[in-house]
Amino acid sequence: MGVNEVATFLQVTPNLVSAWIKRNVMPLPDTTLNAGRTLIWTRQTVEDWATATGKMPMSRTPVWVKPKKG
């Protein structure tokens, strides 16, 4: 996921994601392209970071459901 995909996934603007990168708030990218100018994260990296920091949108927050007995 690049900056735009991360923004869409987290329901924020690409400018906010870029600001997080500049402030070292985002985790390190999993890989880079174009001599380091394009940052790429896996969905799992973004999801884990967003959940741990409270940045995961409520509509994407995983909800654990207790299984039915039976």
PDB file of N, CA and C in Angstrom:
ATOM      1  N   MET A   1       0.847  -1.173   0.000  1.00  0.00           N
ATOM      2  CA  MET A   1       0.000   0.000   0.000  1.00  0.00           C
ATOM      3  C   MET A   1       0.894   1.239   0.000  1.00  0.00           C
ATOM      4  N   GLY A   2       0.623   2.138  -0.928  1.00  0.00           N
ATOM      5  CA  GLY A   2       1.314   3.416  -0.935  1.00  0.00           C
ATOM      6  C   GLY A   2       0.560   4.423  -0.080  1.00  0.00           C
ATOM      7  N   VAL A   3       0.987   5.660  -0.117  1.00  0.00           N
ATOM      8  CA  VAL A   3       0.375   6.710   0.705  1.00  0.00           C
ATOM      9  C   VAL A   3      -1.118   6.832   0.415  1.00  0.00           C
ATOM     10  N   ASN A   4      -1.507   6.840  -0.858  1.00  0.00           N
ATOM     11  CA  ASN A   4      -2.927   6.994  -1.195  1.00  0.00           C
ATOM     12  C   ASN A   4      -3.761   5.815  -0.707  1.00  0.00           C
ATOM     13  N   GLU A   5      -3.225   4.612  -0.850  1.00  0.00           N
ATOM     14  CA  GLU A   5      -3.959   3.426  -0.389  1.00  0.00           C
ATOM     15  C   GLU A   5      -4.069   3.396   1.131  1.00  0.00           C
ATOM     16  N   VAL A   6      -3.007   3.792   1.812  1.00  0.00           N
ATOM     17  CA  VAL A   6      -3.050   3.871   3.277  1.00  0.00           C
ATOM     18  C   VAL A   6      -4.112   4.881   3.696  1.00  0.00           C
ATOM     19  N   ALA A   7      -4.143   6.028   3.027  1.00  0.00           N
ATOM     20  CA  ALA A   7      -5.132   7.061   3.350  1.00  0.00           C
ATOM     21  C   ALA A   7      -6.549   6.536   3.154  1.00  0.00           C
ATOM     22  N   THR A   8      -6.782   5.871   2.049  1.00  0.00           N
ATOM     23  CA  THR A   8      -8.112   5.304   1.793  1.00  0.00           C
ATOM     24  C   THR A   8      -8.463   4.265   2.846  1.00  0.00           C
ATOM     25  N   PHE A   9      -7.529   3.381   3.145  1.00  0.00           N
ATOM     26  CA  PHE A   9      -7.757   2.327   4.132  1.00  0.00           C
ATOM     27  C   PHE A   9      -8.094   2.904   5.507  1.00  0.00           C
ATOM     28  N   LEU A  10      -7.393   3.977   5.906  1.00  0.00           N
ATOM     29  CA  LEU A  10      -7.596   4.574   7.234  1.00  0.00           C
ATOM     30  C   LEU A  10      -8.638   5.689   7.232  1.00  0.00           C
ATOM     31  N   GLN A  11      -9.207   5.957   6.066  1.00  0.00           N
ATOM     32  CA  GLN A  11     -10.242   6.984   5.916  1.00  0.00           C
ATOM     33  C   GLN A  11      -9.735   8.363   6.349  1.00  0.00           C
ATOM     34  N   VAL A  12      -8.535   8.706   5.884  1.00  0.00           N
ATOM     35  CA  VAL A  12      -7.940  10.016   6.125  1.00  0.00           C
ATOM     36  C   VAL A  12      -7.427  10.533   4.777  1.00  0.00           C
ATOM     37  N   THR A  13      -6.882  11.741   4.767  1.00  0.00           N
ATOM     38  CA  THR A  13      -6.352  12.295   3.526  1.00  0.00           C
ATOM     39  C   THR A  13      -4.908  11.843   3.310  1.00  0.00           C
ATOM     40  N   PRO A  14      -4.483  11.800   2.054  1.00  0.00           N
ATOM     41  CA  PRO A  14      -3.078  11.499   1.783  1.00  0.00           C
ATOM     42  C   PRO A  14      -2.140  12.520   2.444  1.00  0.00           C
ATOM     43  N   ASN A  15      -2.576  13.777   2.558  1.00  0.00           N
ATOM     44  CA  ASN A  15      -1.747  14.790   3.221  1.00  0.00           C
ATOM     45  C   ASN A  15      -1.489  14.426   4.678  1.00  0.00           C
ATOM     46  N   LEU A  16      -2.490  13.855   5.354  1.00  0.00           N
ATOM     47  CA  LEU A  16      -2.306  13.462   6.748  1.00  0.00           C
ATOM     48  C   LEU A  16      -1.309  12.309   6.848  1.00  0.00           C
ATOM     49  N   VAL A  17      -1.422  11.349   5.947  1.00  0.00           N
ATOM     50  CA  VAL A  17      -0.467  10.233   5.946  1.00  0.00           C
ATOM     51  C   VAL A  17       0.944  10.770   5.706  1.00  0.00           C
ATOM     52  N   SER A  18       1.089  11.690   4.765  1.00  0.00           N
ATOM     53  CA  SER A  18       2.404  12.294   4.505  1.00  0.00           C
ATOM     54  C   SER A  18       2.933  13.022   5.733  1.00  0.00           C
ATOM     55  N   ALA A  19       2.051  13.702   6.454  1.00  0.00           N
ATOM     56  CA  ALA A  19       2.467  14.391   7.686  1.00  0.00           C
ATOM     57  C   ALA A  19       2.928  13.381   8.726  1.00  0.00           C
ATOM     58  N   TRP A  20       2.220  12.253   8.858  1.00  0.00           N
ATOM     59  CA  TRP A  20       2.630  11.208   9.800  1.00  0.00           C
ATOM     60  C   TRP A  20       4.015  10.681   9.435  1.00  0.00           C
ATOM     61  N   ILE A  21       4.270  10.529   8.136  1.00  0.00           N
ATOM     62  CA  ILE A  21       5.579  10.041   7.686  1.00  0.00           C
ATOM     63  C   ILE A  21       6.664  11.044   8.076  1.00  0.00           C
ATOM     64  N   LYS A  22       6.428  12.315   7.796  1.00  0.00           N
ATOM     65  CA  LYS A  22       7.423  13.355   8.101  1.00  0.00           C
ATOM     66  C   LYS A  22       7.692  13.471   9.597  1.00  0.00           C
ATOM     67  N   ARG A  23       6.664  13.204  10.419  1.00  0.00           N
ATOM     68  CA  ARG A  23       6.818  13.281  11.879  1.00  0.00           C
ATOM     69  C   ARG A  23       7.265  11.952  12.484  1.00  0.00           C
ATOM     70  N   ASN A  24       7.576  10.977  11.629  1.00  0.00           N
ATOM     71  CA  ASN A  24       7.985   9.638  12.081  1.00  0.00           C
ATOM     72  C   ASN A  24       6.923   8.967  12.942  1.00  0.00           C
ATOM     73  N   VAL A  25       5.665   9.198  12.596  1.00  0.00           N
ATOM     74  CA  VAL A  25       4.552   8.566  13.307  1.00  0.00           C
ATOM     75  C   VAL A  25       4.229   7.216  12.665  1.00  0.00           C
ATOM     76  N   MET A  26       4.317   7.149  11.350  1.00  0.00           N
ATOM     77  CA  MET A  26       4.047   5.899  10.632  1.00  0.00           C
ATOM     78  C   MET A  26       5.180   4.911  10.889  1.00  0.00           C
ATOM     79  N   PRO A  27       4.869   3.610  10.826  1.00  0.00           N
ATOM     80  CA  PRO A  27       5.951   2.622  10.941  1.00  0.00           C
ATOM     81  C   PRO A  27       6.850   2.697   9.708  1.00  0.00           C
ATOM     82  N   LEU A  28       8.028   2.150   9.814  1.00  0.00           N
ATOM     83  CA  LEU A  28       8.916   2.097   8.655  1.00  0.00           C
ATOM     84  C   LEU A  28       8.232   1.311   7.541  1.00  0.00           C
ATOM     85  N   PRO A  29       8.426   1.721   6.300  1.00  0.00           N
ATOM     86  CA  PRO A  29       7.804   0.981   5.197  1.00  0.00           C
ATOM     87  C   PRO A  29       8.407  -0.417   5.078  1.00  0.00           C
ATOM     88  N   ASP A  30       7.606  -1.326   4.546  1.00  0.00           N
ATOM     89  CA  ASP A  30       8.078  -2.691   4.339  1.00  0.00           C
ATOM     90  C   ASP A  30       9.045  -2.764   3.160  1.00  0.00           C
ATOM     91  N   THR A  31       8.877  -1.855   2.207  1.00  0.00           N
ATOM     92  CA  THR A  31       9.779  -1.771   1.060  1.00  0.00           C
ATOM     93  C   THR A  31       9.661  -0.383   0.451  1.00  0.00           C
ATOM     94  N   THR A  32      10.576  -0.062  -0.438  1.00  0.00           N
ATOM     95  CA  THR A  32      10.520   1.214  -1.151  1.00  0.00           C
ATOM     96  C   THR A  32      10.749   0.967  -2.636  1.00  0.00           C
ATOM     97  N   LEU A  33      10.272   1.898  -3.436  1.00  0.00           N
ATOM     98  CA  LEU A  33      10.470   1.865  -4.883  1.00  0.00           C
ATOM     99  C   LEU A  33      11.039   3.214  -5.311  1.00  0.00           C
ATOM    100  N   ASN A  34      11.483   3.311  -6.543  1.00  0.00           N
ATOM    101  CA  ASN A  34      11.979   4.577  -7.100  1.00  0.00           C
ATOM    102  C   ASN A  34      13.060   5.196  -6.227  1.00  0.00           C
ATOM    103  N   ALA A  35      14.066   4.429  -5.925  1.00  0.00           N
ATOM    104  CA  ALA A  35      15.207   4.911  -5.126  1.00  0.00           C
ATOM    105  C   ALA A  35      14.774   5.478  -3.780  1.00  0.00           C
ATOM    106  N   GLY A  36      13.757   4.847  -3.182  1.00  0.00           N
ATOM    107  CA  GLY A  36      13.322   5.254  -1.848  1.00  0.00           C
ATOM    108  C   GLY A  36      12.288   6.354  -1.814  1.00  0.00           C
ATOM    109  N   ARG A  37      11.860   6.836  -2.971  1.00  0.00           N
ATOM    110  CA  ARG A  37      10.873   7.928  -2.997  1.00  0.00           C
ATOM    111  C   ARG A  37       9.443   7.434  -2.827  1.00  0.00           C
ATOM    112  N   THR A  38       9.189   6.184  -3.148  1.00  0.00           N
ATOM    113  CA  THR A  38       7.854   5.614  -3.005  1.00  0.00           C
ATOM    114  C   THR A  38       7.897   4.599  -1.870  1.00  0.00           C
ATOM    115  N   LEU A  39       7.127   4.868  -0.830  1.00  0.00           N
ATOM    116  CA  LEU A  39       7.100   4.003   0.350  1.00  0.00           C
ATOM    117  C   LEU A  39       5.940   3.031   0.232  1.00  0.00           C
ATOM    118  N   ILE A  40       6.174   1.782   0.611  1.00  0.00           N
ATOM    119  CA  ILE A  40       5.161   0.734   0.505  1.00  0.00           C
ATOM    120  C   ILE A  40       5.062  -0.017   1.831  1.00  0.00           C
ATOM    121  N   TRP A  41       3.824  -0.159   2.328  1.00  0.00           N
ATOM    122  CA  TRP A  41       3.556  -0.930   3.540  1.00  0.00           C
ATOM    123  C   TRP A  41       2.629  -2.077   3.173  1.00  0.00           C
ATOM    124  N   THR A  42       2.738  -3.189   3.896  1.00  0.00           N
ATOM    125  CA  THR A  42       1.751  -4.254   3.729  1.00  0.00           C
ATOM    126  C   THR A  42       0.494  -3.851   4.495  1.00  0.00           C
ATOM    127  N   ARG A  43      -0.602  -4.427   4.103  1.00  0.00           N
ATOM    128  CA  ARG A  43      -1.854  -4.141   4.805  1.00  0.00           C
ATOM    129  C   ARG A  43      -1.718  -4.515   6.284  1.00  0.00           C
ATOM    130  N   GLN A  44      -1.057  -5.638   6.555  1.00  0.00           N
ATOM    131  CA  GLN A  44      -0.907  -6.090   7.943  1.00  0.00           C
ATOM    132  C   GLN A  44      -0.110  -5.090   8.767  1.00  0.00           C
ATOM    133  N   THR A  45       0.944  -4.527   8.200  1.00  0.00           N
ATOM    134  CA  THR A  45       1.743  -3.524   8.908  1.00  0.00           C
ATOM    135  C   THR A  45       0.884  -2.319   9.268  1.00  0.00           C
ATOM    136  N   VAL A  46       0.117  -1.835   8.299  1.00  0.00           N
ATOM    137  CA  VAL A  46      -0.736  -0.661   8.530  1.00  0.00           C
ATOM    138  C   VAL A  46      -1.824  -0.992   9.542  1.00  0.00           C
ATOM    139  N   GLU A  47      -2.443  -2.153   9.394  1.00  0.00           N
ATOM    140  CA  GLU A  47      -3.518  -2.551  10.305  1.00  0.00           C
ATOM    141  C   GLU A  47      -3.002  -2.696  11.737  1.00  0.00           C
ATOM    142  N   ASP A  48      -1.873  -3.353  11.913  1.00  0.00           N
ATOM    143  CA  ASP A  48      -1.301  -3.526  13.257  1.00  0.00           C
ATOM    144  C   ASP A  48      -0.958  -2.181  13.883  1.00  0.00           C
ATOM    145  N   TRP A  49      -0.324  -1.303  13.107  1.00  0.00           N
ATOM    146  CA  TRP A  49       0.056   0.023  13.603  1.00  0.00           C
ATOM    147  C   TRP A  49      -1.181   0.852  13.952  1.00  0.00           C
ATOM    148  N   ALA A  50      -2.162   0.860  13.059  1.00  0.00           N
ATOM    149  CA  ALA A  50      -3.362   1.664  13.283  1.00  0.00           C
ATOM    150  C   ALA A  50      -4.149   1.164  14.489  1.00  0.00           C
ATOM    151  N   THR A  51      -4.219  -0.131  14.668  1.00  0.00           N
ATOM    152  CA  THR A  51      -4.916  -0.692  15.824  1.00  0.00           C
ATOM    153  C   THR A  51      -4.175  -0.346  17.115  1.00  0.00           C
ATOM    154  N   ALA A  52      -2.856  -0.475  17.103  1.00  0.00           N
ATOM    155  CA  ALA A  52      -2.050  -0.208  18.303  1.00  0.00           C
ATOM    156  C   ALA A  52      -2.056   1.263  18.702  1.00  0.00           C
ATOM    157  N   THR A  53      -2.206   2.158  17.716  1.00  0.00           N
ATOM    158  CA  THR A  53      -2.136   3.596  18.002  1.00  0.00           C
ATOM    159  C   THR A  53      -3.501   4.269  18.062  1.00  0.00           C
ATOM    160  N   GLY A  54      -4.559   3.502  17.858  1.00  0.00           N
ATOM    161  CA  GLY A  54      -5.900   4.085  17.898  1.00  0.00           C
ATOM    162  C   GLY A  54      -6.266   4.851  16.640  1.00  0.00           C
ATOM    163  N   LYS A  55      -5.562   4.626  15.550  1.00  0.00           N
ATOM    164  CA  LYS A  55      -5.841   5.333  14.306  1.00  0.00           C
ATOM    165  C   LYS A  55      -6.711   4.516  13.347  1.00  0.00           C
ATOM    166  N   MET A  56      -7.073   3.314  13.752  1.00  0.00           N
ATOM    167  CA  MET A  56      -7.934   2.481  12.920  1.00  0.00           C
ATOM    168  C   MET A  56      -9.353   3.036  12.986  1.00  0.00           C
ATOM    169  N   PRO A  57      -9.979   3.324  11.837  1.00  0.00           N
ATOM    170  CA  PRO A  57     -11.356   3.821  11.863  1.00  0.00           C
ATOM    171  C   PRO A  57     -12.285   2.796  12.512  1.00  0.00           C
ATOM    172  N   MET A  58     -13.288   3.289  13.191  1.00  0.00           N
ATOM    173  CA  MET A  58     -14.220   2.396  13.893  1.00  0.00           C
ATOM    174  C   MET A  58     -14.839   1.372  12.949  1.00  0.00           C
ATOM    175  N   SER A  59     -15.117   1.753  11.714  1.00  0.00           N
ATOM    176  CA  SER A  59     -15.745   0.821  10.782  1.00  0.00           C
ATOM    177  C   SER A  59     -14.796  -0.303  10.368  1.00  0.00           C
ATOM    178  N   ARG A  60     -13.489  -0.156  10.649  1.00  0.00           N
ATOM    179  CA  ARG A  60     -12.517  -1.185  10.287  1.00  0.00           C
ATOM    180  C   ARG A  60     -11.947  -1.900  11.505  1.00  0.00           C
ATOM    181  N   THR A  61     -12.308  -1.452  12.695  1.00  0.00           N
ATOM    182  CA  THR A  61     -11.767  -2.070  13.894  1.00  0.00           C
ATOM    183  C   THR A  61     -12.283  -3.499  13.999  1.00  0.00           C
ATOM    184  N   PRO A  62     -11.387  -4.477  14.067  1.00  0.00           N
ATOM    185  CA  PRO A  62     -11.842  -5.855  14.191  1.00  0.00           C
ATOM    186  C   PRO A  62     -12.628  -6.053  15.486  1.00  0.00           C
ATOM    187  N   VAL A  63     -13.736  -6.713  15.359  1.00  0.00           N
ATOM    188  CA  VAL A  63     -14.571  -6.977  16.531  1.00  0.00           C
ATOM    189  C   VAL A  63     -14.553  -8.475  16.783  1.00  0.00           C
ATOM    190  N   TRP A  64     -14.168  -8.846  17.987  1.00  0.00           N
ATOM    191  CA  TRP A  64     -14.147 -10.249  18.341  1.00  0.00           C
ATOM    192  C   TRP A  64     -15.528 -10.638  18.828  1.00  0.00           C
ATOM    193  N   VAL A  65     -16.084 -11.672  18.267  1.00  0.00           N
ATOM    194  CA  VAL A  65     -17.407 -12.150  18.648  1.00  0.00           C
ATOM    195  C   VAL A  65     -17.241 -13.485  19.350  1.00  0.00           C
ATOM    196  N   LYS A  66     -17.813 -13.574  20.547  1.00  0.00           N
ATOM    197  CA  LYS A  66     -17.743 -14.811  21.315  1.00  0.00           C
ATOM    198  C   LYS A  66     -18.546 -15.893  20.591  1.00  0.00           C
ATOM    199  N   PRO A  67     -17.936 -17.056  20.345  1.00  0.00           N
ATOM    200  CA  PRO A  67     -18.663 -18.119  19.655  1.00  0.00           C
ATOM    201  C   PRO A  67     -19.818 -18.647  20.503  1.00  0.00           C
ATOM    202  N   LYS A  68     -20.862 -19.072  19.791  1.00  0.00           N
ATOM    203  CA  LYS A  68     -22.020 -19.640  20.481  1.00  0.00           C
ATOM    204  C   LYS A  68     -21.671 -21.017  21.017  1.00  0.00           C
ATOM    205  N   LYS A  69     -22.203 -21.317  22.202  1.00  0.00           N
ATOM    206  CA  LYS A  69     -22.034 -22.671  22.744  1.00  0.00           C
ATOM    207  C   LYS A  69     -23.100 -23.555  22.120  1.00  0.00           C
ATOM    208  N   GLY A  70     -22.737 -24.762  21.857  1.00  0.00           N
ATOM    209  CA  GLY A  70     -23.786 -25.590  21.322  1.00  0.00           C
ATOM    210  C   GLY A  70     -23.300 -26.771  20.715  1.00  0.00           C
TER     211      GLY A  70
END
